[in-house]
Amino acid sequence: MPTREQMERSRWIRPFANRVLRSELWRFTRRSVPRGVALGMLIGIIIPFGQILFASLLSLSVRANVPVAALTTFVTNPLTTPLLWIVAYKVGSWLLHVDAMTVVAPVNTAIEHTELQQALQWLTGATLVTAFGLVVIAVVAASISYVVTSFLWRWWVGHKRRTRMAAARVRMHQRMRPE
């Protein structure tokens, strides 16, 4: 990983350095880490190419942690992608089948009357059913990962605080004990 100084000197980053190298995008905070995880999950599942680049660029607009967003995109890799696409096909098929059974069929209507089908296929590189399933899985996975990461972050910070407080109580009792 390049250092901040190396990135500031890079001719590719220099025009955007004031925006890209803002410290809040690289600090691990209770808000930026869950955002980074959720964004990385979303991009990692939906976009099949250039995931790290897209996650890093979108991190700027949602103030997510850039390294966390980039690393989370590795949720999809050559081992997990085939399984993910099979599940996405099944989820998309089931949802579109359920939607077709309703009177209004909002998803099918939206797909027929807009350019949504072409956009989904272009974005994911998959057929309509698989692309729809990928989007649904990505949104659900990003939402769940955001909530889980937020709770884990809170638990971890609370655990560190309880440990520090217990150590401080032990030190205080040791000092107050007469010898």
N, C-alpha and C. Protein backbone atom coordinates (compact mmCIF):
# COMPACT_ATOMS: atom_id res chain seq x y z
N MET A 1 0.86 -1.18 0.00
CA MET A 1 0.00 0.00 0.00
C MET A 1 0.90 1.24 0.00
N PRO A 2 0.67 2.14 -0.93
CA PRO A 2 1.50 3.35 -0.97
C PRO A 2 1.21 4.26 0.22
N THR A 3 2.21 5.04 0.60
CA THR A 3 2.04 5.99 1.69
C THR A 3 1.28 7.21 1.19
N ARG A 4 0.83 8.00 2.13
CA ARG A 4 0.10 9.22 1.78
C ARG A 4 0.98 10.16 0.95
N GLU A 5 2.24 10.28 1.31
CA GLU A 5 3.16 11.16 0.60
C GLU A 5 3.36 10.69 -0.85
N GLN A 6 3.47 9.38 -1.03
CA GLN A 6 3.62 8.84 -2.39
C GLN A 6 2.37 9.12 -3.22
N MET A 7 1.23 9.01 -2.59
CA MET A 7 -0.01 9.27 -3.31
C MET A 7 -0.14 10.75 -3.66
N GLU A 8 0.31 11.64 -2.77
CA GLU A 8 0.25 13.07 -3.06
C GLU A 8 1.14 13.44 -4.24
N ARG A 9 2.25 12.72 -4.40
CA ARG A 9 3.18 13.00 -5.50
C ARG A 9 2.77 12.37 -6.81
N SER A 10 1.85 11.44 -6.78
CA SER A 10 1.42 10.75 -7.99
C SER A 10 0.75 11.73 -8.95
N ARG A 11 1.15 11.70 -10.19
CA ARG A 11 0.58 12.64 -11.16
C ARG A 11 -0.87 12.32 -11.47
N TRP A 12 -1.30 11.09 -11.23
CA TRP A 12 -2.68 10.71 -11.48
C TRP A 12 -3.60 11.19 -10.36
N ILE A 13 -3.10 11.21 -9.15
CA ILE A 13 -3.92 11.58 -8.00
C ILE A 13 -3.83 13.07 -7.68
N ARG A 14 -2.74 13.70 -8.05
CA ARG A 14 -2.51 15.11 -7.70
C ARG A 14 -3.70 16.02 -8.00
N PRO A 15 -4.37 15.92 -9.15
CA PRO A 15 -5.51 16.82 -9.39
C PRO A 15 -6.67 16.62 -8.41
N PHE A 16 -6.77 15.43 -7.84
CA PHE A 16 -7.87 15.13 -6.93
C PHE A 16 -7.40 14.96 -5.49
N ALA A 17 -6.15 15.26 -5.22
CA ALA A 17 -5.55 14.95 -3.92
C ALA A 17 -6.31 15.56 -2.75
N ASN A 18 -6.77 16.79 -2.90
CA ASN A 18 -7.49 17.41 -1.77
C ASN A 18 -8.76 16.65 -1.43
N ARG A 19 -9.38 16.01 -2.39
CA ARG A 19 -10.61 15.25 -2.13
C ARG A 19 -10.31 13.79 -1.76
N VAL A 20 -9.39 13.18 -2.46
CA VAL A 20 -9.09 11.75 -2.26
C VAL A 20 -8.34 11.50 -0.96
N LEU A 21 -7.48 12.38 -0.58
CA LEU A 21 -6.62 12.15 0.58
C LEU A 21 -7.16 12.78 1.87
N ARG A 22 -8.45 13.12 1.88
CA ARG A 22 -9.02 13.64 3.13
C ARG A 22 -8.91 12.56 4.20
N SER A 23 -8.51 12.96 5.37
CA SER A 23 -8.22 11.99 6.44
C SER A 23 -9.44 11.19 6.86
N GLU A 24 -10.63 11.77 6.78
CA GLU A 24 -11.82 11.03 7.23
C GLU A 24 -12.12 9.82 6.34
N LEU A 25 -11.59 9.80 5.12
CA LEU A 25 -11.81 8.66 4.23
C LEU A 25 -10.85 7.51 4.52
N TRP A 26 -9.83 7.76 5.31
CA TRP A 26 -8.82 6.75 5.59
C TRP A 26 -8.80 6.34 7.05
N ARG A 27 -9.55 7.06 7.91
CA ARG A 27 -9.64 6.73 9.33
C ARG A 27 -10.69 5.67 9.56
N PHE A 28 -10.47 4.84 10.56
CA PHE A 28 -11.42 3.80 10.92
C PHE A 28 -12.33 4.34 12.02
N THR A 29 -13.54 4.75 11.63
CA THR A 29 -14.48 5.30 12.59
C THR A 29 -15.77 4.48 12.57
N ARG A 30 -16.62 4.73 13.53
CA ARG A 30 -17.85 3.95 13.66
C ARG A 30 -18.81 4.18 12.51
N ARG A 31 -18.66 5.26 11.80
CA ARG A 31 -19.53 5.52 10.65
C ARG A 31 -18.89 5.12 9.34
N SER A 32 -17.60 5.39 9.18
CA SER A 32 -16.97 5.14 7.88
C SER A 32 -16.73 3.66 7.61
N VAL A 33 -16.47 2.87 8.63
CA VAL A 33 -16.19 1.44 8.41
C VAL A 33 -17.46 0.69 7.95
N PRO A 34 -18.60 0.82 8.63
CA PRO A 34 -19.80 0.15 8.11
C PRO A 34 -20.19 0.63 6.71
N ARG A 35 -20.02 1.91 6.44
CA ARG A 35 -20.30 2.41 5.09
C ARG A 35 -19.38 1.75 4.07
N GLY A 36 -18.10 1.62 4.43
CA GLY A 36 -17.15 0.98 3.53
C GLY A 36 -17.48 -0.48 3.28
N VAL A 37 -17.87 -1.19 4.31
CA VAL A 37 -18.24 -2.60 4.17
C VAL A 37 -19.47 -2.73 3.27
N ALA A 38 -20.49 -1.93 3.53
CA ALA A 38 -21.72 -2.01 2.73
C ALA A 38 -21.45 -1.64 1.28
N LEU A 39 -20.67 -0.60 1.06
CA LEU A 39 -20.36 -0.18 -0.30
C LEU A 39 -19.54 -1.25 -1.02
N GLY A 40 -18.56 -1.82 -0.33
CA GLY A 40 -17.76 -2.88 -0.93
C GLY A 40 -18.59 -4.10 -1.30
N MET A 41 -19.54 -4.45 -0.44
CA MET A 41 -20.44 -5.58 -0.74
C MET A 41 -21.28 -5.27 -1.97
N LEU A 42 -21.85 -4.08 -2.01
CA LEU A 42 -22.71 -3.69 -3.12
C LEU A 42 -21.94 -3.71 -4.44
N ILE A 43 -20.82 -3.06 -4.47
CA ILE A 43 -20.02 -2.99 -5.69
C ILE A 43 -19.43 -4.35 -6.04
N GLY A 44 -18.95 -5.07 -5.03
CA GLY A 44 -18.34 -6.37 -5.28
C GLY A 44 -19.29 -7.36 -5.90
N ILE A 45 -20.57 -7.29 -5.55
CA ILE A 45 -21.54 -8.25 -6.07
C ILE A 45 -22.10 -7.79 -7.42
N ILE A 46 -22.38 -6.51 -7.57
CA ILE A 46 -23.03 -6.04 -8.80
C ILE A 46 -22.05 -5.89 -9.96
N ILE A 47 -20.93 -5.28 -9.73
CA ILE A 47 -20.02 -4.94 -10.83
C ILE A 47 -18.96 -6.03 -10.97
N PRO A 48 -18.87 -6.65 -12.15
CA PRO A 48 -17.93 -7.76 -12.32
C PRO A 48 -16.50 -7.35 -12.66
N PHE A 49 -16.25 -6.10 -12.93
CA PHE A 49 -14.91 -5.66 -13.32
C PHE A 49 -14.58 -4.32 -12.66
N GLY A 50 -13.33 -4.06 -12.38
CA GLY A 50 -12.92 -2.77 -11.81
C GLY A 50 -13.56 -2.47 -10.47
N GLN A 51 -13.79 -3.49 -9.69
CA GLN A 51 -14.51 -3.31 -8.43
C GLN A 51 -13.79 -2.39 -7.47
N ILE A 52 -12.50 -2.56 -7.32
CA ILE A 52 -11.74 -1.74 -6.37
C ILE A 52 -11.79 -0.27 -6.79
N LEU A 53 -11.63 -0.02 -8.08
CA LEU A 53 -11.67 1.35 -8.58
C LEU A 53 -13.03 1.99 -8.31
N PHE A 54 -14.12 1.28 -8.65
CA PHE A 54 -15.46 1.84 -8.43
C PHE A 54 -15.75 2.01 -6.95
N ALA A 55 -15.36 1.06 -6.13
CA ALA A 55 -15.60 1.18 -4.68
C ALA A 55 -14.82 2.37 -4.11
N SER A 56 -13.60 2.54 -4.55
CA SER A 56 -12.79 3.67 -4.06
C SER A 56 -13.38 5.00 -4.48
N LEU A 57 -13.81 5.09 -5.73
CA LEU A 57 -14.39 6.35 -6.21
C LEU A 57 -15.72 6.66 -5.52
N LEU A 58 -16.56 5.66 -5.34
CA LEU A 58 -17.84 5.90 -4.68
C LEU A 58 -17.67 6.17 -3.18
N SER A 59 -16.57 5.70 -2.60
CA SER A 59 -16.30 5.98 -1.19
C SER A 59 -16.20 7.47 -0.94
N LEU A 60 -15.72 8.20 -1.91
CA LEU A 60 -15.57 9.64 -1.76
C LEU A 60 -16.92 10.32 -1.55
N SER A 61 -17.92 9.88 -2.32
CA SER A 61 -19.22 10.56 -2.24
C SER A 61 -20.03 10.16 -1.01
N VAL A 62 -19.85 8.96 -0.50
CA VAL A 62 -20.62 8.54 0.67
C VAL A 62 -19.81 8.60 1.96
N ARG A 63 -18.59 9.12 1.88
CA ARG A 63 -17.68 9.27 3.02
C ARG A 63 -17.45 7.94 3.74
N ALA A 64 -17.19 6.92 2.93
CA ALA A 64 -16.90 5.59 3.47
C ALA A 64 -15.39 5.42 3.55
N ASN A 65 -14.96 4.49 4.38
CA ASN A 65 -13.54 4.19 4.51
C ASN A 65 -13.06 3.53 3.23
N VAL A 66 -12.11 4.15 2.56
CA VAL A 66 -11.65 3.68 1.24
C VAL A 66 -11.01 2.30 1.31
N PRO A 67 -10.04 2.05 2.23
CA PRO A 67 -9.44 0.72 2.25
C PRO A 67 -10.44 -0.40 2.57
N VAL A 68 -11.38 -0.13 3.46
CA VAL A 68 -12.37 -1.15 3.82
C VAL A 68 -13.28 -1.44 2.62
N ALA A 69 -13.71 -0.39 1.92
CA ALA A 69 -14.56 -0.60 0.74
C ALA A 69 -13.82 -1.39 -0.33
N ALA A 70 -12.55 -1.06 -0.54
CA ALA A 70 -11.77 -1.77 -1.56
C ALA A 70 -11.56 -3.23 -1.16
N LEU A 71 -11.25 -3.49 0.08
CA LEU A 71 -11.02 -4.87 0.52
C LEU A 71 -12.30 -5.71 0.53
N THR A 72 -13.41 -5.09 0.84
CA THR A 72 -14.66 -5.84 0.92
C THR A 72 -15.12 -6.31 -0.46
N THR A 73 -14.65 -5.67 -1.52
CA THR A 73 -15.04 -6.13 -2.85
C THR A 73 -14.52 -7.54 -3.13
N PHE A 74 -13.55 -7.99 -2.36
CA PHE A 74 -13.02 -9.34 -2.56
C PHE A 74 -13.98 -10.42 -2.06
N VAL A 75 -15.18 -10.02 -1.64
CA VAL A 75 -16.19 -11.02 -1.28
C VAL A 75 -16.51 -11.85 -2.51
N THR A 76 -16.38 -11.24 -3.68
CA THR A 76 -16.52 -12.02 -4.91
C THR A 76 -15.14 -12.28 -5.47
N ASN A 77 -14.89 -13.53 -5.73
CA ASN A 77 -13.61 -13.98 -6.27
C ASN A 77 -13.88 -15.21 -7.12
N PRO A 78 -12.88 -15.77 -7.75
CA PRO A 78 -13.14 -16.92 -8.61
C PRO A 78 -13.80 -18.11 -7.90
N LEU A 79 -13.68 -18.21 -6.59
CA LEU A 79 -14.32 -19.31 -5.88
C LEU A 79 -15.78 -19.03 -5.55
N THR A 80 -16.10 -17.78 -5.23
CA THR A 80 -17.47 -17.46 -4.80
C THR A 80 -18.38 -17.00 -5.93
N THR A 81 -17.82 -16.49 -7.01
CA THR A 81 -18.65 -15.94 -8.08
C THR A 81 -19.58 -16.96 -8.73
N PRO A 82 -19.12 -18.16 -9.09
CA PRO A 82 -20.07 -19.10 -9.71
C PRO A 82 -21.25 -19.44 -8.79
N LEU A 83 -20.98 -19.65 -7.53
CA LEU A 83 -22.07 -19.93 -6.59
C LEU A 83 -23.01 -18.73 -6.48
N LEU A 84 -22.45 -17.55 -6.41
CA LEU A 84 -23.25 -16.33 -6.31
C LEU A 84 -24.15 -16.18 -7.53
N TRP A 85 -23.64 -16.44 -8.71
CA TRP A 85 -24.45 -16.29 -9.93
C TRP A 85 -25.55 -17.35 -9.98
N ILE A 86 -25.29 -18.54 -9.50
CA ILE A 86 -26.33 -19.57 -9.47
C ILE A 86 -27.45 -19.15 -8.52
N VAL A 87 -27.06 -18.69 -7.34
CA VAL A 87 -28.06 -18.23 -6.37
C VAL A 87 -28.80 -17.01 -6.91
N ALA A 88 -28.08 -16.10 -7.58
CA ALA A 88 -28.72 -14.91 -8.14
C ALA A 88 -29.74 -15.29 -9.20
N TYR A 89 -29.41 -16.27 -10.01
CA TYR A 89 -30.37 -16.72 -11.02
C TYR A 89 -31.63 -17.27 -10.36
N LYS A 90 -31.45 -18.08 -9.31
CA LYS A 90 -32.60 -18.67 -8.63
C LYS A 90 -33.44 -17.59 -7.93
N VAL A 91 -32.77 -16.63 -7.27
CA VAL A 91 -33.49 -15.54 -6.60
C VAL A 91 -34.23 -14.68 -7.62
N GLY A 92 -33.55 -14.30 -8.69
CA GLY A 92 -34.19 -13.49 -9.73
C GLY A 92 -35.35 -14.19 -10.38
N SER A 93 -35.18 -15.47 -10.66
CA SER A 93 -36.26 -16.25 -11.27
C SER A 93 -37.46 -16.32 -10.34
N TRP A 94 -37.22 -16.59 -9.09
CA TRP A 94 -38.31 -16.69 -8.12
C TRP A 94 -39.03 -15.35 -7.96
N LEU A 95 -38.27 -14.26 -7.81
CA LEU A 95 -38.89 -12.94 -7.62
C LEU A 95 -39.68 -12.50 -8.84
N LEU A 96 -39.13 -12.72 -10.03
CA LEU A 96 -39.86 -12.34 -11.24
C LEU A 96 -41.10 -13.22 -11.44
N HIS A 97 -41.02 -14.47 -11.03
CA HIS A 97 -42.18 -15.36 -11.11
C HIS A 97 -43.27 -14.89 -10.14
N VAL A 98 -42.88 -14.56 -8.92
CA VAL A 98 -43.84 -14.05 -7.92
C VAL A 98 -44.43 -12.73 -8.41
N ASP A 99 -43.59 -11.86 -8.97
CA ASP A 99 -44.06 -10.58 -9.47
C ASP A 99 -45.06 -10.77 -10.61
N ALA A 100 -44.82 -11.75 -11.47
CA ALA A 100 -45.72 -11.99 -12.60
C ALA A 100 -47.09 -12.50 -12.13
N MET A 101 -47.14 -13.12 -10.96
CA MET A 101 -48.41 -13.63 -10.44
C MET A 101 -49.27 -12.54 -9.82
N THR A 102 -48.70 -11.37 -9.53
CA THR A 102 -49.49 -10.29 -8.95
C THR A 102 -50.29 -9.58 -10.04
N VAL A 103 -51.29 -8.84 -9.65
CA VAL A 103 -52.16 -8.17 -10.61
C VAL A 103 -51.41 -7.06 -11.33
N VAL A 104 -50.65 -6.26 -10.58
CA VAL A 104 -49.98 -5.10 -11.16
C VAL A 104 -48.65 -5.46 -11.79
N ALA A 105 -47.93 -6.43 -11.24
CA ALA A 105 -46.60 -6.84 -11.71
C ALA A 105 -45.66 -5.65 -11.84
N PRO A 106 -45.35 -4.97 -10.72
CA PRO A 106 -44.58 -3.73 -10.81
C PRO A 106 -43.17 -3.91 -11.39
N VAL A 107 -42.50 -5.00 -11.07
CA VAL A 107 -41.14 -5.17 -11.56
C VAL A 107 -41.16 -5.44 -13.06
N ASN A 108 -42.01 -6.35 -13.50
CA ASN A 108 -42.09 -6.64 -14.93
C ASN A 108 -42.54 -5.42 -15.73
N THR A 109 -43.47 -4.64 -15.19
CA THR A 109 -43.93 -3.43 -15.86
C THR A 109 -42.79 -2.42 -15.98
N ALA A 110 -42.04 -2.24 -14.90
CA ALA A 110 -40.91 -1.31 -14.93
C ALA A 110 -39.86 -1.76 -15.94
N ILE A 111 -39.62 -3.04 -16.01
CA ILE A 111 -38.62 -3.56 -16.94
C ILE A 111 -39.08 -3.37 -18.38
N GLU A 112 -40.37 -3.60 -18.67
CA GLU A 112 -40.89 -3.48 -20.03
C GLU A 112 -40.96 -2.04 -20.52
N HIS A 113 -41.28 -1.10 -19.63
CA HIS A 113 -41.50 0.28 -20.05
C HIS A 113 -40.29 1.20 -19.86
N THR A 114 -39.20 0.69 -19.43
CA THR A 114 -37.99 1.51 -19.25
C THR A 114 -36.79 0.79 -19.87
N GLU A 115 -35.67 1.40 -19.74
CA GLU A 115 -34.43 0.80 -20.22
C GLU A 115 -33.74 0.01 -19.10
N LEU A 116 -34.49 -0.39 -18.09
CA LEU A 116 -33.93 -1.09 -16.94
C LEU A 116 -33.27 -2.40 -17.33
N GLN A 117 -33.88 -3.12 -18.26
CA GLN A 117 -33.32 -4.40 -18.67
C GLN A 117 -31.93 -4.22 -19.26
N GLN A 118 -31.77 -3.28 -20.18
CA GLN A 118 -30.46 -3.04 -20.79
C GLN A 118 -29.45 -2.54 -19.76
N ALA A 119 -29.91 -1.68 -18.85
CA ALA A 119 -29.00 -1.16 -17.82
C ALA A 119 -28.51 -2.27 -16.91
N LEU A 120 -29.42 -3.14 -16.47
CA LEU A 120 -29.02 -4.25 -15.59
C LEU A 120 -28.07 -5.19 -16.31
N GLN A 121 -28.37 -5.51 -17.55
CA GLN A 121 -27.51 -6.43 -18.29
C GLN A 121 -26.15 -5.81 -18.57
N TRP A 122 -26.11 -4.52 -18.87
CA TRP A 122 -24.83 -3.87 -19.11
C TRP A 122 -24.00 -3.78 -17.83
N LEU A 123 -24.65 -3.44 -16.73
CA LEU A 123 -23.95 -3.27 -15.45
C LEU A 123 -23.36 -4.57 -14.94
N THR A 124 -24.14 -5.63 -15.00
CA THR A 124 -23.68 -6.89 -14.40
C THR A 124 -23.08 -7.85 -15.41
N GLY A 125 -23.37 -7.67 -16.67
CA GLY A 125 -22.88 -8.61 -17.68
C GLY A 125 -23.64 -9.93 -17.65
N ALA A 126 -24.84 -9.93 -17.12
CA ALA A 126 -25.62 -11.16 -16.98
C ALA A 126 -26.97 -11.01 -17.67
N THR A 127 -27.68 -12.11 -17.77
CA THR A 127 -29.05 -12.04 -18.31
C THR A 127 -29.94 -11.30 -17.34
N LEU A 128 -31.14 -10.97 -17.79
CA LEU A 128 -32.05 -10.17 -16.96
C LEU A 128 -32.35 -10.84 -15.63
N VAL A 129 -32.66 -12.11 -15.65
CA VAL A 129 -33.03 -12.82 -14.42
C VAL A 129 -31.85 -12.83 -13.45
N THR A 130 -30.67 -13.17 -13.94
CA THR A 130 -29.49 -13.20 -13.08
C THR A 130 -29.13 -11.80 -12.60
N ALA A 131 -29.21 -10.82 -13.49
CA ALA A 131 -28.89 -9.44 -13.11
C ALA A 131 -29.82 -8.93 -12.02
N PHE A 132 -31.11 -9.22 -12.17
CA PHE A 132 -32.07 -8.80 -11.15
C PHE A 132 -31.77 -9.49 -9.81
N GLY A 133 -31.45 -10.76 -9.87
CA GLY A 133 -31.07 -11.49 -8.66
C GLY A 133 -29.81 -10.93 -8.03
N LEU A 134 -28.82 -10.56 -8.85
CA LEU A 134 -27.59 -9.97 -8.32
C LEU A 134 -27.87 -8.65 -7.60
N VAL A 135 -28.72 -7.83 -8.18
CA VAL A 135 -29.04 -6.54 -7.55
C VAL A 135 -29.75 -6.76 -6.22
N VAL A 136 -30.70 -7.68 -6.20
CA VAL A 136 -31.43 -7.97 -4.96
C VAL A 136 -30.46 -8.51 -3.90
N ILE A 137 -29.62 -9.46 -4.26
CA ILE A 137 -28.66 -10.02 -3.31
C ILE A 137 -27.69 -8.95 -2.83
N ALA A 138 -27.24 -8.08 -3.75
CA ALA A 138 -26.29 -7.04 -3.37
C ALA A 138 -26.90 -6.05 -2.37
N VAL A 139 -28.13 -5.65 -2.61
CA VAL A 139 -28.78 -4.70 -1.70
C VAL A 139 -29.02 -5.33 -0.33
N VAL A 140 -29.48 -6.56 -0.32
CA VAL A 140 -29.71 -7.26 0.96
C VAL A 140 -28.39 -7.48 1.69
N ALA A 141 -27.37 -7.95 0.97
CA ALA A 141 -26.07 -8.20 1.60
C ALA A 141 -25.44 -6.91 2.13
N ALA A 142 -25.56 -5.82 1.37
CA ALA A 142 -25.01 -4.54 1.83
C ALA A 142 -25.74 -4.05 3.07
N SER A 143 -27.06 -4.20 3.09
CA SER A 143 -27.83 -3.76 4.26
C SER A 143 -27.48 -4.57 5.50
N ILE A 144 -27.43 -5.88 5.34
CA ILE A 144 -27.10 -6.74 6.48
C ILE A 144 -25.67 -6.48 6.94
N SER A 145 -24.74 -6.34 6.00
CA SER A 145 -23.35 -6.11 6.41
C SER A 145 -23.18 -4.77 7.11
N TYR A 146 -23.96 -3.76 6.71
CA TYR A 146 -23.90 -2.46 7.39
C TYR A 146 -24.34 -2.60 8.84
N VAL A 147 -25.47 -3.26 9.05
CA VAL A 147 -26.02 -3.41 10.40
C VAL A 147 -25.08 -4.27 11.26
N VAL A 148 -24.61 -5.38 10.72
CA VAL A 148 -23.73 -6.28 11.48
C VAL A 148 -22.42 -5.57 11.82
N THR A 149 -21.85 -4.87 10.86
CA THR A 149 -20.59 -4.16 11.12
C THR A 149 -20.78 -3.07 12.17
N SER A 150 -21.91 -2.37 12.11
CA SER A 150 -22.18 -1.33 13.12
C SER A 150 -22.26 -1.93 14.52
N PHE A 151 -22.98 -3.06 14.64
CA PHE A 151 -23.08 -3.70 15.95
C PHE A 151 -21.74 -4.25 16.42
N LEU A 152 -21.00 -4.87 15.51
CA LEU A 152 -19.67 -5.39 15.89
C LEU A 152 -18.73 -4.27 16.28
N TRP A 153 -18.77 -3.15 15.58
CA TRP A 153 -17.92 -2.01 15.91
C TRP A 153 -18.27 -1.50 17.31
N ARG A 154 -19.56 -1.36 17.57
CA ARG A 154 -20.00 -0.88 18.89
C ARG A 154 -19.58 -1.85 19.99
N TRP A 155 -19.74 -3.15 19.74
CA TRP A 155 -19.34 -4.15 20.73
C TRP A 155 -17.83 -4.07 20.98
N TRP A 156 -17.04 -3.94 19.93
CA TRP A 156 -15.59 -3.91 20.05
C TRP A 156 -15.13 -2.69 20.85
N VAL A 157 -15.71 -1.54 20.55
CA VAL A 157 -15.35 -0.32 21.28
C VAL A 157 -15.78 -0.44 22.74
N GLY A 158 -16.96 -0.99 22.99
CA GLY A 158 -17.42 -1.19 24.36
C GLY A 158 -16.55 -2.18 25.11
N HIS A 159 -16.11 -3.24 24.44
CA HIS A 159 -15.24 -4.23 25.05
C HIS A 159 -13.89 -3.60 25.43
N LYS A 160 -13.33 -2.81 24.52
CA LYS A 160 -12.07 -2.12 24.83
C LYS A 160 -12.25 -1.19 26.03
N ARG A 161 -13.37 -0.48 26.07
CA ARG A 161 -13.61 0.45 27.18
C ARG A 161 -13.76 -0.30 28.50
N ARG A 162 -14.53 -1.39 28.49
CA ARG A 162 -14.70 -2.18 29.72
C ARG A 162 -13.37 -2.74 30.20
N THR A 163 -12.52 -3.19 29.28
CA THR A 163 -11.21 -3.71 29.64
C THR A 163 -10.34 -2.62 30.26
N ARG A 164 -10.36 -1.43 29.66
CA ARG A 164 -9.58 -0.30 30.21
C ARG A 164 -10.09 0.10 31.59
N MET A 165 -11.41 0.13 31.75
CA MET A 165 -11.99 0.50 33.03
C MET A 165 -11.65 -0.52 34.11
N ALA A 166 -11.70 -1.80 33.77
CA ALA A 166 -11.35 -2.85 34.74
C ALA A 166 -9.90 -2.74 35.14
N ALA A 167 -9.02 -2.48 34.17
CA ALA A 167 -7.60 -2.33 34.49
C ALA A 167 -7.36 -1.10 35.36
N ALA A 168 -8.10 -0.02 35.09
CA ALA A 168 -7.96 1.19 35.91
C ALA A 168 -8.45 0.94 37.33
N ARG A 169 -9.54 0.17 37.51
CA ARG A 169 -10.02 -0.15 38.85
C ARG A 169 -9.00 -0.99 39.61
N VAL A 170 -8.39 -1.94 38.91
CA VAL A 170 -7.37 -2.78 39.56
C VAL A 170 -6.20 -1.91 40.01
N ARG A 171 -5.74 -1.01 39.15
CA ARG A 171 -4.62 -0.13 39.51
C ARG A 171 -4.99 0.77 40.68
N MET A 172 -6.23 1.26 40.70
CA MET A 172 -6.67 2.15 41.77
C MET A 172 -6.72 1.38 43.10
N HIS A 173 -7.22 0.16 43.08
CA HIS A 173 -7.27 -0.65 44.31
C HIS A 173 -5.87 -0.99 44.81
N GLN A 174 -4.95 -1.21 43.89
CA GLN A 174 -3.58 -1.52 44.29
C GLN A 174 -2.92 -0.32 44.94
N ARG A 175 -3.20 0.87 44.48
CA ARG A 175 -2.62 2.09 45.04
C ARG A 175 -3.23 2.41 46.40
N MET A 176 -4.50 2.09 46.58
CA MET A 176 -5.18 2.46 47.82
C MET A 176 -4.93 1.46 48.93
N ARG A 177 -4.47 0.27 48.58
CA ARG A 177 -4.24 -0.76 49.59
C ARG A 177 -3.00 -0.39 50.44
N PRO A 178 -3.17 -0.32 51.76
CA PRO A 178 -2.01 -0.01 52.61
C PRO A 178 -1.07 -1.21 52.69
N GLU A 179 0.20 -0.90 52.71
CA GLU A 179 1.20 -1.98 52.78
C GLU A 179 1.81 -2.11 54.12
